[in-house]
Amino acid sequence: MKKSLIALGGAGLLLVGAVMLVLPGPGLPIVVAGVALLATEFPWARNAMRRIRRWVAWGRRRTGLLNWLRSRRRGRIGAVA
């Protein structure tokens, strides 16, 4: 029963997220939320979440976003008075 509800909820989030990729709305975060929900019960979704996390970490390293966020937290660059 629990696995069925998680599968239904995750599939629903994936469907809504896929629609929001075309229509206005936060499509990617909704798709990731659907995969995260499915990852609680299904091994294929767990593997997909691992790939998503690796991809996001790679993107942060590549763009320097993590360093920029750390510098903003310390108030070094671009501090607003």
N, C-alpha and C. Protein backbone atom coordinates (compact mmCIF):
# COMPACT_ATOMS: atom_id res chain seq x y z
N MET A 1 0.82 -1.19 0.00
CA MET A 1 0.00 0.00 0.00
C MET A 1 0.87 1.26 0.00
N LYS A 2 1.88 1.29 0.90
CA LYS A 2 2.76 2.45 1.00
C LYS A 2 3.53 2.65 -0.31
N LYS A 3 4.04 1.55 -0.86
CA LYS A 3 4.81 1.64 -2.09
C LYS A 3 3.94 2.15 -3.24
N SER A 4 2.69 1.76 -3.26
CA SER A 4 1.76 2.20 -4.30
C SER A 4 1.49 3.70 -4.19
N LEU A 5 1.30 4.18 -2.96
CA LEU A 5 1.05 5.60 -2.77
C LEU A 5 2.27 6.44 -3.15
N ILE A 6 3.45 5.96 -2.79
CA ILE A 6 4.67 6.67 -3.16
C ILE A 6 4.84 6.68 -4.67
N ALA A 7 4.57 5.55 -5.31
CA ALA A 7 4.67 5.48 -6.77
C ALA A 7 3.68 6.42 -7.43
N LEU A 8 2.47 6.48 -6.92
CA LEU A 8 1.46 7.36 -7.47
C LEU A 8 1.83 8.83 -7.28
N GLY A 9 2.28 9.18 -6.07
CA GLY A 9 2.67 10.56 -5.80
C GLY A 9 3.88 10.98 -6.61
N GLY A 10 4.89 10.11 -6.70
CA GLY A 10 6.08 10.42 -7.47
C GLY A 10 5.78 10.56 -8.95
N ALA A 11 4.94 9.66 -9.47
CA ALA A 11 4.56 9.75 -10.88
C ALA A 11 3.76 11.01 -11.15
N GLY A 12 2.91 11.38 -10.20
CA GLY A 12 2.15 12.62 -10.36
C GLY A 12 3.05 13.84 -10.39
N LEU A 13 4.04 13.87 -9.50
CA LEU A 13 4.98 14.99 -9.50
C LEU A 13 5.79 15.02 -10.80
N LEU A 14 6.21 13.85 -11.27
CA LEU A 14 6.94 13.81 -12.54
C LEU A 14 6.08 14.33 -13.68
N LEU A 15 4.83 13.94 -13.71
CA LEU A 15 3.93 14.39 -14.78
C LEU A 15 3.70 15.90 -14.72
N VAL A 16 3.43 16.41 -13.53
CA VAL A 16 3.21 17.85 -13.37
C VAL A 16 4.49 18.61 -13.73
N GLY A 17 5.63 18.11 -13.30
CA GLY A 17 6.90 18.76 -13.63
C GLY A 17 7.18 18.75 -15.12
N ALA A 18 6.85 17.65 -15.78
CA ALA A 18 7.05 17.58 -17.22
C ALA A 18 6.16 18.58 -17.95
N VAL A 19 4.94 18.76 -17.47
CA VAL A 19 4.05 19.75 -18.06
C VAL A 19 4.59 21.15 -17.83
N MET A 20 5.14 21.38 -16.63
CA MET A 20 5.69 22.70 -16.32
C MET A 20 6.98 23.01 -17.06
N LEU A 21 7.61 22.01 -17.64
CA LEU A 21 8.78 22.28 -18.47
C LEU A 21 8.36 23.03 -19.73
N VAL A 22 7.15 22.77 -20.19
CA VAL A 22 6.64 23.43 -21.39
C VAL A 22 5.85 24.68 -21.02
N LEU A 23 5.03 24.58 -20.00
CA LEU A 23 4.23 25.71 -19.55
C LEU A 23 4.99 26.49 -18.49
N PRO A 24 4.55 27.70 -18.17
CA PRO A 24 5.23 28.47 -17.12
C PRO A 24 5.14 27.77 -15.77
N GLY A 25 6.26 27.72 -15.10
CA GLY A 25 6.29 27.12 -13.77
C GLY A 25 7.64 26.50 -13.50
N PRO A 26 7.87 26.13 -12.25
CA PRO A 26 9.17 25.56 -11.85
C PRO A 26 9.24 24.07 -12.20
N GLY A 27 9.44 23.75 -13.45
CA GLY A 27 9.41 22.36 -13.90
C GLY A 27 10.50 21.48 -13.35
N LEU A 28 11.76 21.92 -13.45
CA LEU A 28 12.88 21.07 -13.00
C LEU A 28 12.82 20.75 -11.51
N PRO A 29 12.56 21.72 -10.62
CA PRO A 29 12.48 21.35 -9.20
C PRO A 29 11.36 20.35 -8.91
N ILE A 30 10.26 20.44 -9.62
CA ILE A 30 9.15 19.51 -9.41
C ILE A 30 9.53 18.12 -9.90
N VAL A 31 10.23 18.04 -11.03
CA VAL A 31 10.69 16.74 -11.54
C VAL A 31 11.67 16.12 -10.54
N VAL A 32 12.59 16.91 -10.02
CA VAL A 32 13.56 16.40 -9.05
C VAL A 32 12.85 15.94 -7.78
N ALA A 33 11.82 16.67 -7.35
CA ALA A 33 11.06 16.26 -6.18
C ALA A 33 10.36 14.93 -6.42
N GLY A 34 9.84 14.73 -7.62
CA GLY A 34 9.21 13.46 -7.96
C GLY A 34 10.20 12.31 -7.93
N VAL A 35 11.38 12.54 -8.49
CA VAL A 35 12.40 11.48 -8.47
C VAL A 35 12.84 11.22 -7.03
N ALA A 36 12.97 12.28 -6.23
CA ALA A 36 13.37 12.09 -4.82
C ALA A 36 12.32 11.28 -4.06
N LEU A 37 11.06 11.53 -4.32
CA LEU A 37 10.00 10.75 -3.67
C LEU A 37 10.06 9.29 -4.11
N LEU A 38 10.25 9.08 -5.39
CA LEU A 38 10.35 7.70 -5.89
C LEU A 38 11.61 7.00 -5.37
N ALA A 39 12.66 7.76 -5.11
CA ALA A 39 13.92 7.18 -4.64
C ALA A 39 13.81 6.56 -3.25
N THR A 40 12.77 6.92 -2.52
CA THR A 40 12.59 6.31 -1.20
C THR A 40 12.20 4.85 -1.29
N GLU A 41 11.69 4.41 -2.45
CA GLU A 41 11.22 3.03 -2.58
C GLU A 41 11.82 2.25 -3.75
N PHE A 42 12.31 2.95 -4.77
CA PHE A 42 12.73 2.26 -5.99
C PHE A 42 14.22 2.45 -6.27
N PRO A 43 14.95 1.35 -6.50
CA PRO A 43 16.39 1.46 -6.75
C PRO A 43 16.74 2.25 -8.01
N TRP A 44 15.96 2.17 -9.07
CA TRP A 44 16.28 2.92 -10.28
C TRP A 44 16.19 4.41 -10.03
N ALA A 45 15.25 4.83 -9.19
CA ALA A 45 15.12 6.25 -8.87
C ALA A 45 16.25 6.70 -7.95
N ARG A 46 16.71 5.80 -7.07
CA ARG A 46 17.85 6.10 -6.20
C ARG A 46 19.09 6.36 -7.06
N ASN A 47 19.29 5.54 -8.08
CA ASN A 47 20.42 5.74 -8.99
C ASN A 47 20.27 7.05 -9.75
N ALA A 48 19.06 7.38 -10.16
CA ALA A 48 18.83 8.64 -10.86
C ALA A 48 19.13 9.83 -9.95
N MET A 49 18.77 9.74 -8.67
CA MET A 49 19.07 10.82 -7.74
C MET A 49 20.57 10.97 -7.54
N ARG A 50 21.28 9.87 -7.50
CA ARG A 50 22.75 9.95 -7.39
C ARG A 50 23.33 10.68 -8.59
N ARG A 51 22.83 10.36 -9.79
CA ARG A 51 23.31 11.04 -10.99
C ARG A 51 22.96 12.52 -10.97
N ILE A 52 21.77 12.86 -10.50
CA ILE A 52 21.36 14.26 -10.41
C ILE A 52 22.27 15.00 -9.44
N ARG A 53 22.55 14.40 -8.29
CA ARG A 53 23.43 15.05 -7.31
C ARG A 53 24.83 15.26 -7.86
N ARG A 54 25.35 14.25 -8.57
CA ARG A 54 26.68 14.40 -9.19
C ARG A 54 26.68 15.51 -10.22
N TRP A 55 25.63 15.58 -11.03
CA TRP A 55 25.52 16.60 -12.06
C TRP A 55 25.46 18.00 -11.45
N VAL A 56 24.69 18.15 -10.38
CA VAL A 56 24.58 19.45 -9.72
C VAL A 56 25.91 19.84 -9.09
N ALA A 57 26.59 18.90 -8.44
CA ALA A 57 27.90 19.19 -7.84
C ALA A 57 28.91 19.57 -8.91
N TRP A 58 28.89 18.89 -10.04
CA TRP A 58 29.78 19.22 -11.15
C TRP A 58 29.50 20.63 -11.65
N GLY A 59 28.23 20.96 -11.79
CA GLY A 59 27.86 22.29 -12.26
C GLY A 59 28.28 23.38 -11.30
N ARG A 60 28.14 23.13 -10.00
CA ARG A 60 28.58 24.12 -9.01
C ARG A 60 30.09 24.33 -9.08
N ARG A 61 30.82 23.23 -9.20
CA ARG A 61 32.28 23.36 -9.31
C ARG A 61 32.67 24.08 -10.58
N ARG A 62 32.03 23.73 -11.66
CA ARG A 62 32.38 24.29 -12.98
C ARG A 62 32.08 25.79 -13.06
N THR A 63 30.98 26.21 -12.47
CA THR A 63 30.60 27.62 -12.55
C THR A 63 31.19 28.46 -11.43
N GLY A 64 31.71 27.82 -10.38
CA GLY A 64 32.23 28.56 -9.24
C GLY A 64 31.13 29.08 -8.32
N LEU A 65 29.93 28.54 -8.45
CA LEU A 65 28.80 29.01 -7.66
C LEU A 65 29.02 28.80 -6.17
N LEU A 66 29.58 27.67 -5.79
CA LEU A 66 29.78 27.39 -4.38
C LEU A 66 30.72 28.40 -3.75
N ASN A 67 31.81 28.73 -4.43
CA ASN A 67 32.74 29.74 -3.91
C ASN A 67 32.08 31.11 -3.82
N TRP A 68 31.26 31.44 -4.81
CA TRP A 68 30.56 32.72 -4.78
C TRP A 68 29.59 32.78 -3.60
N LEU A 69 28.87 31.69 -3.36
CA LEU A 69 27.93 31.67 -2.24
C LEU A 69 28.67 31.79 -0.91
N ARG A 70 29.80 31.12 -0.79
CA ARG A 70 30.59 31.22 0.45
C ARG A 70 31.09 32.64 0.66
N SER A 71 31.55 33.29 -0.40
CA SER A 71 32.04 34.66 -0.26
C SER A 71 30.89 35.60 0.10
N ARG A 72 29.70 35.38 -0.43
CA ARG A 72 28.55 36.21 -0.08
C ARG A 72 28.17 36.02 1.37
N ARG A 73 28.29 34.80 1.87
CA ARG A 73 27.93 34.52 3.25
C ARG A 73 28.88 35.24 4.19
N ARG A 74 30.15 35.33 3.81
CA ARG A 74 31.14 36.01 4.65
C ARG A 74 31.05 37.52 4.50
N GLY A 75 30.34 37.99 3.49
CA GLY A 75 30.17 39.41 3.30
C GLY A 75 31.35 40.10 2.63
N ARG A 76 32.15 39.35 1.90
CA ARG A 76 33.34 39.93 1.28
C ARG A 76 33.03 40.68 0.01
N ILE A 77 32.26 40.07 -0.87
CA ILE A 77 32.05 40.65 -2.19
C ILE A 77 30.59 41.05 -2.34
N GLY A 78 30.40 42.26 -2.80
CA GLY A 78 29.05 42.71 -3.13
C GLY A 78 28.14 42.89 -1.93
N ALA A 79 28.71 43.23 -0.78
CA ALA A 79 27.88 43.44 0.40
C ALA A 79 27.04 44.69 0.21
N VAL A 80 25.79 44.60 0.54
CA VAL A 80 24.87 45.73 0.41
C VAL A 80 24.79 46.43 1.75
N ALA A 81 25.02 47.73 1.75
CA ALA A 81 25.02 48.48 3.01
C ALA A 81 23.62 48.91 3.40
